[in-house]
Amino acid sequence: GERIPLEGRILNIADQYDALRSSRLY
């Protein structure tokens, strides 16, 4: 919840989106 700093909550969804979009060897 809000124990996570706001900047971390914003980065979480940004990072997850890019991880899903990006290709990896696996």
PDB file of all heavy atoms in Angstrom:
ATOM      1  N   GLY A   1       0.803  -1.218   0.000  1.00  0.00           N
ATOM      2  CA  GLY A   1       0.000   0.000   0.000  1.00  0.00           C
ATOM      3  C   GLY A   1       0.834   1.265   0.000  1.00  0.00           C
ATOM      4  O   GLY A   1       1.879   1.348  -0.665  1.00  0.00           O
ATOM      5  N   GLU A   2       0.389   2.237   0.773  1.00  0.00           N
ATOM      6  CA  GLU A   2       1.055   3.536   0.792  1.00  0.00           C
ATOM      7  C   GLU A   2       2.348   3.538   1.588  1.00  0.00           C
ATOM      8  O   GLU A   2       3.021   4.575   1.662  1.00  0.00           O
ATOM      9  CB  GLU A   2       0.095   4.599   1.316  1.00  0.00           C
ATOM     10  CG  GLU A   2      -1.077   4.842   0.371  1.00  0.00           C
ATOM     11  CD  GLU A   2      -1.956   6.000   0.802  1.00  0.00           C
ATOM     12  OE1 GLU A   2      -1.678   6.589   1.870  1.00  0.00           O
ATOM     13  OE2 GLU A   2      -2.921   6.310   0.081  1.00  0.00           O
ATOM     14  N   ARG A   3       2.718   2.396   2.155  1.00  0.00           N
ATOM     15  CA  ARG A   3       4.051   2.294   2.759  1.00  0.00           C
ATOM     16  C   ARG A   3       5.128   2.327   1.676  1.00  0.00           C
ATOM     17  O   ARG A   3       6.280   2.643   1.952  1.00  0.00           O
ATOM     18  CB  ARG A   3       4.173   0.999   3.571  1.00  0.00           C
ATOM     19  CG  ARG A   3       3.328   0.971   4.843  1.00  0.00           C
ATOM     20  CD  ARG A   3       3.601  -0.290   5.624  1.00  0.00           C
ATOM     21  NE  ARG A   3       5.002  -0.361   6.041  1.00  0.00           N
ATOM     22  CZ  ARG A   3       5.610  -1.469   6.412  1.00  0.00           C
ATOM     23  NH1 ARG A   3       4.949  -2.620   6.392  1.00  0.00           N
ATOM     24  NH2 ARG A   3       6.887  -1.449   6.766  1.00  0.00           N
ATOM     25  N   ILE A   4       4.740   1.980   0.457  1.00  0.00           N
ATOM     26  CA  ILE A   4       5.667   2.085  -0.670  1.00  0.00           C
ATOM     27  C   ILE A   4       5.710   3.549  -1.099  1.00  0.00           C
ATOM     28  O   ILE A   4       4.666   4.150  -1.362  1.00  0.00           O
ATOM     29  CB  ILE A   4       5.189   1.228  -1.865  1.00  0.00           C
ATOM     30  CG1 ILE A   4       4.942  -0.218  -1.427  1.00  0.00           C
ATOM     31  CG2 ILE A   4       6.204   1.285  -3.004  1.00  0.00           C
ATOM     32  CD1 ILE A   4       4.224  -1.047  -2.480  1.00  0.00           C
ATOM     33  N   PRO A   5       6.869   4.167  -1.185  1.00  0.00           N
ATOM     34  CA  PRO A   5       6.941   5.563  -1.641  1.00  0.00           C
ATOM     35  C   PRO A   5       6.276   5.731  -3.007  1.00  0.00           C
ATOM     36  O   PRO A   5       6.303   4.820  -3.839  1.00  0.00           O
ATOM     37  CB  PRO A   5       8.445   5.842  -1.705  1.00  0.00           C
ATOM     38  CG  PRO A   5       9.053   4.872  -0.741  1.00  0.00           C
ATOM     39  CD  PRO A   5       8.205   3.631  -0.829  1.00  0.00           C
ATOM     40  N   LEU A   6       5.664   6.878  -3.223  1.00  0.00           N
ATOM     41  CA  LEU A   6       4.925   7.116  -4.459  1.00  0.00           C
ATOM     42  C   LEU A   6       5.799   6.880  -5.686  1.00  0.00           C
ATOM     43  O   LEU A   6       5.342   6.296  -6.679  1.00  0.00           O
ATOM     44  CB  LEU A   6       4.371   8.547  -4.472  1.00  0.00           C
ATOM     45  CG  LEU A   6       3.605   8.960  -5.730  1.00  0.00           C
ATOM     46  CD1 LEU A   6       2.435   8.017  -5.990  1.00  0.00           C
ATOM     47  CD2 LEU A   6       3.121  10.414  -5.599  1.00  0.00           C
ATOM     48  N   GLU A   7       7.058   7.313  -5.624  1.00  0.00           N
ATOM     49  CA  GLU A   7       7.931   7.127  -6.782  1.00  0.00           C
ATOM     50  C   GLU A   7       8.132   5.644  -7.098  1.00  0.00           C
ATOM     51  O   GLU A   7       8.234   5.244  -8.263  1.00  0.00           O
ATOM     52  CB  GLU A   7       9.283   7.802  -6.570  1.00  0.00           C
ATOM     53  CG  GLU A   7      10.046   7.384  -5.326  1.00  0.00           C
ATOM     54  CD  GLU A   7       9.748   8.235  -4.106  1.00  0.00           C
ATOM     55  OE1 GLU A   7       8.715   8.947  -4.115  1.00  0.00           O
ATOM     56  OE2 GLU A   7      10.541   8.193  -3.141  1.00  0.00           O
ATOM     57  N   GLY A   8       8.149   4.798  -6.059  1.00  0.00           N
ATOM     58  CA  GLY A   8       8.276   3.363  -6.276  1.00  0.00           C
ATOM     59  C   GLY A   8       7.024   2.781  -6.910  1.00  0.00           C
ATOM     60  O   GLY A   8       7.097   1.894  -7.770  1.00  0.00           O
ATOM     61  N   ARG A   9       5.855   3.280  -6.505  1.00  0.00           N
ATOM     62  CA  ARG A   9       4.592   2.801  -7.081  1.00  0.00           C
ATOM     63  C   ARG A   9       4.468   3.191  -8.554  1.00  0.00           C
ATOM     64  O   ARG A   9       3.941   2.434  -9.364  1.00  0.00           O
ATOM     65  CB  ARG A   9       3.421   3.373  -6.292  1.00  0.00           C
ATOM     66  CG  ARG A   9       3.237   2.745  -4.905  1.00  0.00           C
ATOM     67  CD  ARG A   9       2.103   3.403  -4.163  1.00  0.00           C
ATOM     68  NE  ARG A   9       2.582   4.413  -3.226  1.00  0.00           N
ATOM     69  CZ  ARG A   9       1.878   5.461  -2.828  1.00  0.00           C
ATOM     70  NH1 ARG A   9       0.682   5.693  -3.322  1.00  0.00           N
ATOM     71  NH2 ARG A   9       2.376   6.314  -1.954  1.00  0.00           N
ATOM     72  N   ILE A  10       4.957   4.369  -8.892  1.00  0.00           N
ATOM     73  CA  ILE A  10       4.938   4.802 -10.290  1.00  0.00           C
ATOM     74  C   ILE A  10       5.881   3.949 -11.119  1.00  0.00           C
ATOM     75  O   ILE A  10       5.529   3.458 -12.204  1.00  0.00           O
ATOM     76  CB  ILE A  10       5.321   6.295 -10.385  1.00  0.00           C
ATOM     77  CG1 ILE A  10       4.201   7.162  -9.803  1.00  0.00           C
ATOM     78  CG2 ILE A  10       5.605   6.691 -11.833  1.00  0.00           C
ATOM     79  CD1 ILE A  10       4.550   8.638  -9.689  1.00  0.00           C
ATOM     80  N   LEU A  11       7.103   3.730 -10.596  1.00  0.00           N
ATOM     81  CA  LEU A  11       8.086   2.945 -11.346  1.00  0.00           C
ATOM     82  C   LEU A  11       7.654   1.497 -11.518  1.00  0.00           C
ATOM     83  O   LEU A  11       7.984   0.864 -12.536  1.00  0.00           O
ATOM     84  CB  LEU A  11       9.446   3.014 -10.637  1.00  0.00           C
ATOM     85  CG  LEU A  11      10.443   4.006 -11.202  1.00  0.00           C
ATOM     86  CD1 LEU A  11      10.969   3.572 -12.568  1.00  0.00           C
ATOM     87  CD2 LEU A  11       9.876   5.409 -11.243  1.00  0.00           C
ATOM     88  N   ASN A  12       6.924   0.961 -10.545  1.00  0.00           N
ATOM     89  CA  ASN A  12       6.521  -0.436 -10.613  1.00  0.00           C
ATOM     90  C   ASN A  12       5.730  -0.726 -11.885  1.00  0.00           C
ATOM     91  O   ASN A  12       6.018  -1.671 -12.618  1.00  0.00           O
ATOM     92  CB  ASN A  12       5.681  -0.782  -9.382  1.00  0.00           C
ATOM     93  CG  ASN A  12       5.298  -2.253  -9.335  1.00  0.00           C
ATOM     94  OD1 ASN A  12       5.872  -3.086 -10.017  1.00  0.00           O
ATOM     95  ND2 ASN A  12       4.301  -2.571  -8.531  1.00  0.00           N
ATOM     96  N   ILE A  13       4.754   0.105 -12.187  1.00  0.00           N
ATOM     97  CA  ILE A  13       3.918  -0.149 -13.362  1.00  0.00           C
ATOM     98  C   ILE A  13       4.679   0.175 -14.651  1.00  0.00           C
ATOM     99  O   ILE A  13       4.525  -0.508 -15.670  1.00  0.00           O
ATOM    100  CB  ILE A  13       2.587   0.636 -13.263  1.00  0.00           C
ATOM    101  CG1 ILE A  13       1.551   0.036 -14.223  1.00  0.00           C
ATOM    102  CG2 ILE A  13       2.783   2.112 -13.533  1.00  0.00           C
ATOM    103  CD1 ILE A  13       0.141   0.526 -13.936  1.00  0.00           C
ATOM    104  N   ALA A  14       5.531   1.207 -14.617  1.00  0.00           N
ATOM    105  CA  ALA A  14       6.333   1.543 -15.800  1.00  0.00           C
ATOM    106  C   ALA A  14       7.309   0.412 -16.126  1.00  0.00           C
ATOM    107  O   ALA A  14       7.465   0.006 -17.287  1.00  0.00           O
ATOM    108  CB  ALA A  14       7.093   2.848 -15.555  1.00  0.00           C
ATOM    109  N   ASP A  15       7.957  -0.115 -15.100  1.00  0.00           N
ATOM    110  CA  ASP A  15       8.923  -1.197 -15.284  1.00  0.00           C
ATOM    111  C   ASP A  15       8.232  -2.464 -15.780  1.00  0.00           C
ATOM    112  O   ASP A  15       8.742  -3.174 -16.660  1.00  0.00           O
ATOM    113  CB  ASP A  15       9.637  -1.457 -13.956  1.00  0.00           C
ATOM    114  CG  ASP A  15      10.856  -2.354 -14.109  1.00  0.00           C
ATOM    115  OD1 ASP A  15      11.479  -2.326 -15.179  1.00  0.00           O
ATOM    116  OD2 ASP A  15      11.176  -3.065 -13.146  1.00  0.00           O
ATOM    117  N   GLN A  16       7.053  -2.756 -15.220  1.00  0.00           N
ATOM    118  CA  GLN A  16       6.344  -3.969 -15.624  1.00  0.00           C
ATOM    119  C   GLN A  16       5.884  -3.888 -17.078  1.00  0.00           C
ATOM    120  O   GLN A  16       5.978  -4.862 -17.830  1.00  0.00           O
ATOM    121  CB  GLN A  16       5.128  -4.192 -14.714  1.00  0.00           C
ATOM    122  CG  GLN A  16       4.382  -5.486 -14.976  1.00  0.00           C
ATOM    123  CD  GLN A  16       5.272  -6.704 -14.761  1.00  0.00           C
ATOM    124  OE1 GLN A  16       5.991  -6.787 -13.772  1.00  0.00           O
ATOM    125  NE2 GLN A  16       5.233  -7.642 -15.680  1.00  0.00           N
ATOM    126  N   TYR A  17       5.411  -2.718 -17.485  1.00  0.00           N
ATOM    127  CA  TYR A  17       4.978  -2.559 -18.871  1.00  0.00           C
ATOM    128  C   TYR A  17       6.148  -2.827 -19.823  1.00  0.00           C
ATOM    129  O   TYR A  17       6.003  -3.574 -20.799  1.00  0.00           O
ATOM    130  CB  TYR A  17       4.430  -1.154 -19.111  1.00  0.00           C
ATOM    131  CG  TYR A  17       4.121  -0.876 -20.566  1.00  0.00           C
ATOM    132  CD1 TYR A  17       2.914  -1.278 -21.132  1.00  0.00           C
ATOM    133  CD2 TYR A  17       5.039  -0.218 -21.383  1.00  0.00           C
ATOM    134  CE1 TYR A  17       2.632  -1.048 -22.475  1.00  0.00           C
ATOM    135  CE2 TYR A  17       4.773   0.016 -22.726  1.00  0.00           C
ATOM    136  CZ  TYR A  17       3.567  -0.395 -23.263  1.00  0.00           C
ATOM    137  OH  TYR A  17       3.302  -0.159 -24.588  1.00  0.00           O
ATOM    138  N   ASP A  18       7.289  -2.242 -19.533  1.00  0.00           N
ATOM    139  CA  ASP A  18       8.419  -2.407 -20.449  1.00  0.00           C
ATOM    140  C   ASP A  18       8.947  -3.834 -20.442  1.00  0.00           C
ATOM    141  O   ASP A  18       9.389  -4.343 -21.466  1.00  0.00           O
ATOM    142  CB  ASP A  18       9.550  -1.430 -20.089  1.00  0.00           C
ATOM    143  CG  ASP A  18      10.447  -1.162 -21.286  1.00  0.00           C
ATOM    144  OD1 ASP A  18      10.045  -0.379 -22.159  1.00  0.00           O
ATOM    145  OD2 ASP A  18      11.534  -1.759 -21.348  1.00  0.00           O
ATOM    146  N   ALA A  19       8.893  -4.485 -19.282  1.00  0.00           N
ATOM    147  CA  ALA A  19       9.329  -5.881 -19.206  1.00  0.00           C
ATOM    148  C   ALA A  19       8.444  -6.769 -20.084  1.00  0.00           C
ATOM    149  O   ALA A  19       8.927  -7.684 -20.755  1.00  0.00           O
ATOM    150  CB  ALA A  19       9.294  -6.363 -17.755  1.00  0.00           C
ATOM    151  N   LEU A  20       7.154  -6.496 -20.088  1.00  0.00           N
ATOM    152  CA  LEU A  20       6.235  -7.274 -20.920  1.00  0.00           C
ATOM    153  C   LEU A  20       6.471  -7.005 -22.404  1.00  0.00           C
ATOM    154  O   LEU A  20       6.414  -7.919 -23.231  1.00  0.00           O
ATOM    155  CB  LEU A  20       4.782  -6.934 -20.558  1.00  0.00           C
ATOM    156  CG  LEU A  20       4.315  -7.408 -19.178  1.00  0.00           C
ATOM    157  CD1 LEU A  20       2.968  -6.780 -18.844  1.00  0.00           C
ATOM    158  CD2 LEU A  20       4.206  -8.928 -19.133  1.00  0.00           C
ATOM    159  N   ARG A  21       6.756  -5.763 -22.755  1.00  0.00           N
ATOM    160  CA  ARG A  21       6.952  -5.416 -24.158  1.00  0.00           C
ATOM    161  C   ARG A  21       8.277  -5.929 -24.715  1.00  0.00           C
ATOM    162  O   ARG A  21       8.384  -6.233 -25.908  1.00  0.00           O
ATOM    163  CB  ARG A  21       6.923  -3.882 -24.335  1.00  0.00           C
ATOM    164  CG  ARG A  21       5.591  -3.201 -24.097  1.00  0.00           C
ATOM    165  CD  ARG A  21       4.482  -3.658 -25.026  1.00  0.00           C
ATOM    166  NE  ARG A  21       4.853  -3.751 -26.424  1.00  0.00           N
ATOM    167  CZ  ARG A  21       4.768  -2.759 -27.313  1.00  0.00           C
ATOM    168  NH1 ARG A  21       4.305  -1.583 -26.928  1.00  0.00           N
ATOM    169  NH2 ARG A  21       5.098  -2.949 -28.573  1.00  0.00           N
ATOM    170  N   SER A  22       9.286  -6.023 -23.874  1.00  0.00           N
ATOM    171  CA  SER A  22      10.647  -6.314 -24.348  1.00  0.00           C
ATOM    172  C   SER A  22      10.864  -7.801 -24.556  1.00  0.00           C
ATOM    173  O   SER A  22      10.399  -8.633 -23.777  1.00  0.00           O
ATOM    174  CB  SER A  22      11.683  -5.786 -23.344  1.00  0.00           C
ATOM    175  OG  SER A  22      11.515  -4.400 -23.136  1.00  0.00           O
ATOM    176  N   SER A  23      11.580  -8.138 -25.607  1.00  0.00           N
ATOM    177  CA  SER A  23      11.933  -9.536 -25.871  1.00  0.00           C
ATOM    178  C   SER A  23      13.182  -9.902 -25.079  1.00  0.00           C
ATOM    179  O   SER A  23      14.057  -9.081 -24.845  1.00  0.00           O
ATOM    180  CB  SER A  23      12.179  -9.752 -27.363  1.00  0.00           C
ATOM    181  OG  SER A  23      13.294  -8.994 -27.803  1.00  0.00           O
ATOM    182  N   ARG A  24      13.239 -11.146 -24.666  1.00  0.00           N
ATOM    183  CA  ARG A  24      14.411 -11.718 -24.016  1.00  0.00           C
ATOM    184  C   ARG A  24      14.684 -13.071 -24.661  1.00  0.00           C
ATOM    185  O   ARG A  24      13.842 -13.610 -25.383  1.00  0.00           O
ATOM    186  CB  ARG A  24      14.166 -11.896 -22.498  1.00  0.00           C
ATOM    187  CG  ARG A  24      13.941 -10.582 -21.737  1.00  0.00           C
ATOM    188  CD  ARG A  24      15.213  -9.763 -21.664  1.00  0.00           C
ATOM    189  NE  ARG A  24      15.040  -8.584 -20.830  1.00  0.00           N
ATOM    190  CZ  ARG A  24      14.699  -7.391 -21.288  1.00  0.00           C
ATOM    191  NH1 ARG A  24      14.460  -7.235 -22.593  1.00  0.00           N
ATOM    192  NH2 ARG A  24      14.579  -6.357 -20.480  1.00  0.00           N
ATOM    193  N   LEU A  25      15.839 -13.648 -24.371  1.00  0.00           N
ATOM    194  CA  LEU A  25      16.168 -14.947 -24.932  1.00  0.00           C
ATOM    195  C   LEU A  25      15.153 -16.017 -24.508  1.00  0.00           C
ATOM    196  O   LEU A  25      14.950 -16.998 -25.206  1.00  0.00           O
ATOM    197  CB  LEU A  25      17.574 -15.366 -24.510  1.00  0.00           C
ATOM    198  CG  LEU A  25      18.717 -14.534 -25.123  1.00  0.00           C
ATOM    199  CD1 LEU A  25      20.038 -14.971 -24.525  1.00  0.00           C
ATOM    200  CD2 LEU A  25      18.739 -14.659 -26.633  1.00  0.00           C
ATOM    201  N   TYR A  26      14.521 -15.795 -23.346  1.00  0.00           N
ATOM    202  CA  TYR A  26      13.584 -16.786 -22.828  1.00  0.00           C
ATOM    203  C   TYR A  26      12.117 -16.376 -22.997  1.00  0.00           C
ATOM    204  O   TYR A  26      11.228 -17.077 -22.533  1.00  0.00           O
ATOM    205  CB  TYR A  26      13.868 -17.064 -21.343  1.00  0.00           C
ATOM    206  CG  TYR A  26      13.873 -15.825 -20.483  1.00  0.00           C
ATOM    207  CD1 TYR A  26      12.707 -15.350 -19.893  1.00  0.00           C
ATOM    208  CD2 TYR A  26      15.047 -15.118 -20.270  1.00  0.00           C
ATOM    209  CE1 TYR A  26      12.703 -14.214 -19.116  1.00  0.00           C
ATOM    210  CE2 TYR A  26      15.065 -13.981 -19.493  1.00  0.00           C
ATOM    211  CZ  TYR A  26      13.888 -13.537 -18.921  1.00  0.00           C
ATOM    212  OH  TYR A  26      13.893 -12.405 -18.153  1.00  0.00           O
TER     213      TYR A  26
END
